Amino acid sequence: MTKADIVEQIYEKVGFSKKESAELVERVFGLIKETLEKGEKIKIAGFGNFVVKEKADRRGRNPQTGDEIIISARKILTFKPSQVLKTSINS
């Protein structure tokens, strides 16, 4: 499902115009993005949690040369589905 598909579903099911639907989707995703950029957790009841985690520096290996390298610290985004979502997917 793409952003355009979500806009289409809102247009059909809620009755907003396509422009209003697109604006709503953009605002929601914008708010989610801003919240995650601040490093804050997002909890959506019945869906799951989005969490930004810190990964420390670590040693790795260049697969072409075999040389050992340091992989720099970074942030990663993780998603953990709620039990409700897991149950609905597996039923």
C-alpha atoms as a PDB file:
ATOM      1  CA  MET A   1       0.000   0.000   0.000  1.00  0.00           C
ATOM      2  CA  THR A   2       1.338   3.419  -0.960  1.00  0.00           C
ATOM      3  CA  LYS A   3       0.602   6.914   0.311  1.00  0.00           C
ATOM      4  CA  ALA A   4      -1.626   7.421  -2.747  1.00  0.00           C
ATOM      5  CA  ASP A   5      -3.578   4.274  -1.804  1.00  0.00           C
ATOM      6  CA  ILE A   6      -4.112   5.622   1.718  1.00  0.00           C
ATOM      7  CA  VAL A   7      -5.345   8.931   0.294  1.00  0.00           C
ATOM      8  CA  GLU A   8      -7.734   7.032  -1.980  1.00  0.00           C
ATOM      9  CA  GLN A   9      -9.088   4.961   0.942  1.00  0.00           C
ATOM     10  CA  ILE A  10      -9.719   8.105   3.030  1.00  0.00           C
ATOM     11  CA  TYR A  11     -11.411   9.736   0.038  1.00  0.00           C
ATOM     12  CA  GLU A  12     -13.716   6.735  -0.449  1.00  0.00           C
ATOM     13  CA  LYS A  13     -14.482   5.817   3.171  1.00  0.00           C
ATOM     14  CA  VAL A  14     -14.486   9.170   5.002  1.00  0.00           C
ATOM     15  CA  GLY A  15     -15.814  11.410   2.275  1.00  0.00           C
ATOM     16  CA  PHE A  16     -13.105  14.075   2.303  1.00  0.00           C
ATOM     17  CA  SER A  17     -12.089  15.501  -1.052  1.00  0.00           C
ATOM     18  CA  LYS A  18      -8.934  14.036  -2.588  1.00  0.00           C
ATOM     19  CA  LYS A  19      -7.071  17.265  -1.774  1.00  0.00           C
ATOM     20  CA  GLU A  20      -8.208  17.182   1.874  1.00  0.00           C
ATOM     21  CA  SER A  21      -7.367  13.484   2.097  1.00  0.00           C
ATOM     22  CA  ALA A  22      -3.863  14.068   0.696  1.00  0.00           C
ATOM     23  CA  GLU A  23      -3.321  16.987   3.084  1.00  0.00           C
ATOM     24  CA  LEU A  24      -4.435  14.873   6.056  1.00  0.00           C
ATOM     25  CA  VAL A  25      -2.097  12.012   5.127  1.00  0.00           C
ATOM     26  CA  GLU A  26       0.832  14.417   4.620  1.00  0.00           C
ATOM     27  CA  ARG A  27       0.194  16.083   7.992  1.00  0.00           C
ATOM     28  CA  VAL A  28      -0.065  12.782   9.854  1.00  0.00           C
ATOM     29  CA  PHE A  29       3.138  11.426   8.307  1.00  0.00           C
ATOM     30  CA  GLY A  30       4.850  14.779   8.860  1.00  0.00           C
ATOM     31  CA  LEU A  31       3.910  14.716  12.541  1.00  0.00           C
ATOM     32  CA  ILE A  32       5.150  11.120  12.886  1.00  0.00           C
ATOM     33  CA  LYS A  33       8.429  12.030  11.165  1.00  0.00           C
ATOM     34  CA  GLU A  34       8.982  15.127  13.362  1.00  0.00           C
ATOM     35  CA  THR A  35       8.293  13.130  16.522  1.00  0.00           C
ATOM     36  CA  LEU A  36      10.735  10.383  15.539  1.00  0.00           C
ATOM     37  CA  GLU A  37      13.405  12.949  14.531  1.00  0.00           C
ATOM     38  CA  LYS A  38      13.240  14.285  18.112  1.00  0.00           C
ATOM     39  CA  GLY A  39      13.939  10.735  19.316  1.00  0.00           C
ATOM     40  CA  GLU A  40      10.506  10.339  20.891  1.00  0.00           C
ATOM     41  CA  LYS A  41       8.540   7.078  20.914  1.00  0.00           C
ATOM     42  CA  ILE A  42       5.222   6.767  19.064  1.00  0.00           C
ATOM     43  CA  LYS A  43       2.595   4.432  20.523  1.00  0.00           C
ATOM     44  CA  ILE A  44      -0.498   3.691  18.454  1.00  0.00           C
ATOM     45  CA  ALA A  45      -3.013   1.625  20.437  1.00  0.00           C
ATOM     46  CA  GLY A  46      -3.992  -1.582  18.673  1.00  0.00           C
ATOM     47  CA  PHE A  47      -1.213  -1.117  16.098  1.00  0.00           C
ATOM     48  CA  GLY A  48       2.244  -0.904  17.683  1.00  0.00           C
ATOM     49  CA  ASN A  49       5.208   1.207  18.770  1.00  0.00           C
ATOM     50  CA  PHE A  50       7.798   3.064  16.732  1.00  0.00           C
ATOM     51  CA  VAL A  51      11.035   3.635  18.657  1.00  0.00           C
ATOM     52  CA  VAL A  52      14.316   5.309  17.678  1.00  0.00           C
ATOM     53  CA  LYS A  53      17.249   3.388  19.169  1.00  0.00           C
ATOM     54  CA  GLU A  54      20.927   4.307  19.388  1.00  0.00           C
ATOM     55  CA  LYS A  55      23.506   1.871  18.036  1.00  0.00           C
ATOM     56  CA  ALA A  56      27.054   2.227  19.306  1.00  0.00           C
ATOM     57  CA  ASP A  57      30.251   2.060  17.233  1.00  0.00           C
ATOM     58  CA  ARG A  58      31.124  -1.507  16.340  1.00  0.00           C
ATOM     59  CA  ARG A  59      33.756  -3.455  14.492  1.00  0.00           C
ATOM     60  CA  GLY A  60      32.900  -4.874  11.116  1.00  0.00           C
ATOM     61  CA  ARG A  61      34.680  -6.330   8.124  1.00  0.00           C
ATOM     62  CA  ASN A  62      34.883  -5.145   4.540  1.00  0.00           C
ATOM     63  CA  PRO A  63      33.597  -8.222   2.665  1.00  0.00           C
ATOM     64  CA  GLN A  64      35.707  -7.487  -0.440  1.00  0.00           C
ATOM     65  CA  THR A  65      39.073  -6.975   1.244  1.00  0.00           C
ATOM     66  CA  GLY A  66      38.563  -8.645   4.608  1.00  0.00           C
ATOM     67  CA  ASP A  67      39.924  -5.501   6.330  1.00  0.00           C
ATOM     68  CA  GLU A  68      38.513  -4.708   9.730  1.00  0.00           C
ATOM     69  CA  ILE A  69      36.634  -1.396   9.885  1.00  0.00           C
ATOM     70  CA  ILE A  70      34.750   0.606  12.492  1.00  0.00           C
ATOM     71  CA  ILE A  71      31.057   1.056  11.748  1.00  0.00           C
ATOM     72  CA  SER A  72      30.067   4.414  13.207  1.00  0.00           C
ATOM     73  CA  ALA A  73      27.320   4.981  15.770  1.00  0.00           C
ATOM     74  CA  ARG A  74      23.889   5.648  14.354  1.00  0.00           C
ATOM     75  CA  LYS A  75      20.203   5.747  15.133  1.00  0.00           C
ATOM     76  CA  ILE A  76      17.804   3.092  13.891  1.00  0.00           C
ATOM     77  CA  LEU A  77      14.031   3.002  13.738  1.00  0.00           C
ATOM     78  CA  THR A  78      12.309  -0.074  15.108  1.00  0.00           C
ATOM     79  CA  PHE A  79       8.663  -1.111  15.024  1.00  0.00           C
ATOM     80  CA  LYS A  80       7.101  -3.528  17.476  1.00  0.00           C
ATOM     81  CA  PRO A  81       3.565  -4.598  16.574  1.00  0.00           C
ATOM     82  CA  SER A  82       0.928  -4.729  19.314  1.00  0.00           C
ATOM     83  CA  GLN A  83      -0.522  -8.029  20.446  1.00  0.00           C
ATOM     84  CA  VAL A  84      -3.847  -6.984  18.858  1.00  0.00           C
ATOM     85  CA  LEU A  85      -2.167  -6.542  15.447  1.00  0.00           C
ATOM     86  CA  LYS A  86      -0.246  -9.818  15.783  1.00  0.00           C
ATOM     87  CA  THR A  87      -3.460 -11.655  16.640  1.00  0.00           C
ATOM     88  CA  SER A  88      -5.401 -10.166  13.718  1.00  0.00           C
ATOM     89  CA  ILE A  89      -2.602 -11.015  11.260  1.00  0.00           C
ATOM     90  CA  ASN A  90      -2.347 -14.607  12.489  1.00  0.00           C
ATOM     91  CA  SER A  91      -6.077 -15.393  12.623  1.00  0.00           C
END
